[in-house]
Each structure stands twice: as structure tokens, then as C-alpha cells.
Amino acid sequence: MDKCPKCNKRAQPDDLFCGQCGFRLFAHNKKGSITQHELKINDIRFNLGIIYLKKKAYDRAIEVFSKILEEKPNNEKVIEMLRIAENEDKKVKGNGHNG
């Protein structure tokens, strides 16, 4: 991909996100690159974790976010969501309720 489809800023072939606007670029299927399919799976997993958070199923949210981090350990957004789920789970368990 030579340019971002959203803002037309020049992009490098291995860029995952546009440096100008943050638009998610789909990396080419090269060794070490993330494929479009893998990006979609991680997006689905992340959204599932958010749904579990909203439903107060903290143990399931923790499981989903932890699974994402096994594959992408430096994903700050997922790390933050995992911390939130763990903190909420501790609060619930500290009050003697089940999540």
C-alpha cells in the first residue's frame, strides 16, 4: 500500500496504521506481518471482551483479553481493558458476589 486510503499520506509497505490519521492499514502477508484475517479475529475478540465487561462477566473478559495478549503482548488498549476487568473482578469478589 503506497498511500493511506483515508488521508492519502504516504505509507510504507509494512505499516499497520497510518502515521497521520491512525487509519488501520492492512499489512501484506509477509513473514512476520499481520494478515487482514488476523486483524479481524483480534478485533472480534476485543469486541467480545468489551461485551463481557459490559455484562459484568469479568472472568470471561479477563480470559478473552489474556488470549489476545498471548499473541500481541504489547497491545496497550488490550492491557488497559484487562486491568479494568481484573479490578472490577476483584471488587465483585471482595463484596462476596459472583460475576
Protein backbone atom coordinates (compact mmCIF):
# COMPACT_ATOMS: atom_id res chain seq x y z
CA MET A 1 0.00 0.00 0.00
CA ASP A 2 1.56 3.29 -1.05
CA LYS A 3 -0.93 5.72 0.47
CA CYS A 4 -3.49 5.76 3.25
CA PRO A 5 -6.96 5.37 1.73
CA LYS A 6 -8.37 7.80 4.29
CA CYS A 7 -5.97 10.77 4.21
CA ASN A 8 -3.65 9.93 1.27
CA LYS A 9 -0.47 10.19 3.38
CA ARG A 10 2.38 8.07 2.05
CA ALA A 11 2.70 4.75 3.88
CA GLN A 12 5.44 2.14 3.99
CA PRO A 13 4.59 -1.41 2.84
CA ASP A 14 4.84 -2.85 6.37
CA ASP A 15 2.88 -0.08 8.13
CA LEU A 16 -0.14 -1.32 10.05
CA PHE A 17 -1.50 2.15 10.84
CA CYS A 18 -1.31 5.50 9.08
CA GLY A 19 1.15 7.83 10.82
CA GLN A 20 -1.06 10.83 10.01
CA CYS A 21 -4.62 9.80 10.84
CA GLY A 22 -4.24 6.40 12.57
CA PHE A 23 -6.30 4.54 9.96
CA ARG A 24 -5.66 0.79 10.10
CA LEU A 25 -3.72 -0.29 7.04
CA PHE A 26 -3.71 -3.93 6.10
CA ALA A 27 -0.20 -5.33 6.08
CA HIS A 28 0.88 -7.55 3.26
CA ASN A 29 1.03 -11.23 4.04
CA LYS A 30 4.80 -11.38 4.53
CA LYS A 31 6.77 -13.29 7.12
CA GLY A 32 6.19 -11.56 10.44
CA SER A 33 3.34 -9.37 9.16
CA ILE A 34 -0.24 -9.48 10.36
CA THR A 35 -2.77 -10.57 7.79
CA GLN A 36 -6.14 -8.91 7.29
CA HIS A 37 -7.79 -12.10 8.58
CA GLU A 38 -5.78 -11.98 11.83
CA LEU A 39 -6.66 -8.32 12.33
CA LYS A 40 -10.35 -9.13 12.02
CA ILE A 41 -10.11 -12.01 14.51
CA ASN A 42 -8.37 -9.79 17.07
CA ASP A 43 -10.99 -7.07 16.54
CA ILE A 44 -13.75 -9.62 17.13
CA ARG A 45 -12.02 -10.93 20.25
CA PHE A 46 -11.53 -7.41 21.57
CA ASN A 47 -15.19 -6.56 20.99
CA LEU A 48 -16.21 -9.79 22.73
CA GLY A 49 -14.10 -8.79 25.73
CA ILE A 50 -15.84 -5.39 25.82
CA ILE A 51 -19.24 -7.11 25.71
CA TYR A 52 -18.24 -9.32 28.64
CA LEU A 53 -17.12 -6.21 30.55
CA LYS A 54 -20.46 -4.52 29.94
CA LYS A 55 -22.31 -7.66 31.05
CA LYS A 56 -20.12 -7.77 34.17
CA ALA A 57 -18.77 -11.21 33.16
CA TYR A 58 -15.33 -10.15 34.30
CA ASP A 59 -13.82 -13.63 34.38
CA ARG A 60 -14.71 -14.14 30.72
CA ALA A 61 -13.42 -10.67 29.79
CA ILE A 62 -10.13 -11.48 31.52
CA GLU A 63 -9.91 -14.75 29.59
CA VAL A 64 -10.52 -13.04 26.23
CA PHE A 65 -8.12 -10.14 26.83
CA SER A 66 -5.46 -12.54 28.12
CA LYS A 67 -5.80 -14.63 24.96
CA ILE A 68 -5.27 -11.56 22.77
CA LEU A 69 -2.19 -10.62 24.78
CA GLU A 70 -0.68 -14.07 24.23
CA GLU A 71 -0.48 -13.18 20.53
CA LYS A 72 0.07 -9.41 20.85
CA PRO A 73 1.67 -8.78 24.28
CA ASN A 74 2.31 -5.05 23.69
CA ASN A 75 -1.25 -4.04 22.76
CA GLU A 76 -1.78 -1.15 25.20
CA LYS A 77 -5.52 -0.93 24.60
CA VAL A 78 -5.98 -4.60 25.50
CA ILE A 79 -3.67 -4.27 28.50
CA GLU A 80 -5.82 -1.40 29.79
CA MET A 81 -9.06 -3.35 29.27
CA LEU A 82 -7.54 -6.35 31.06
CA ARG A 83 -6.63 -4.13 34.04
CA ILE A 84 -10.17 -2.78 34.17
CA ALA A 85 -11.65 -6.30 34.04
CA GLU A 86 -9.28 -7.52 36.76
CA ASN A 87 -10.04 -4.53 39.01
CA GLU A 88 -13.78 -4.95 38.60
CA ASP A 89 -13.49 -8.69 39.22
CA LYS A 90 -11.59 -8.01 42.48
CA LYS A 91 -14.29 -5.53 43.58
CA VAL A 92 -17.06 -8.05 42.92
CA LYS A 93 -15.24 -10.89 44.63
CA GLY A 94 -14.35 -8.61 47.52
CA ASN A 95 -18.06 -7.94 48.06
CA GLY A 96 -18.89 -11.64 48.10
CA HIS A 97 -20.78 -11.60 44.79
CA ASN A 98 -20.22 -13.82 41.78
CA GLY A 99 -19.70 -12.16 38.32
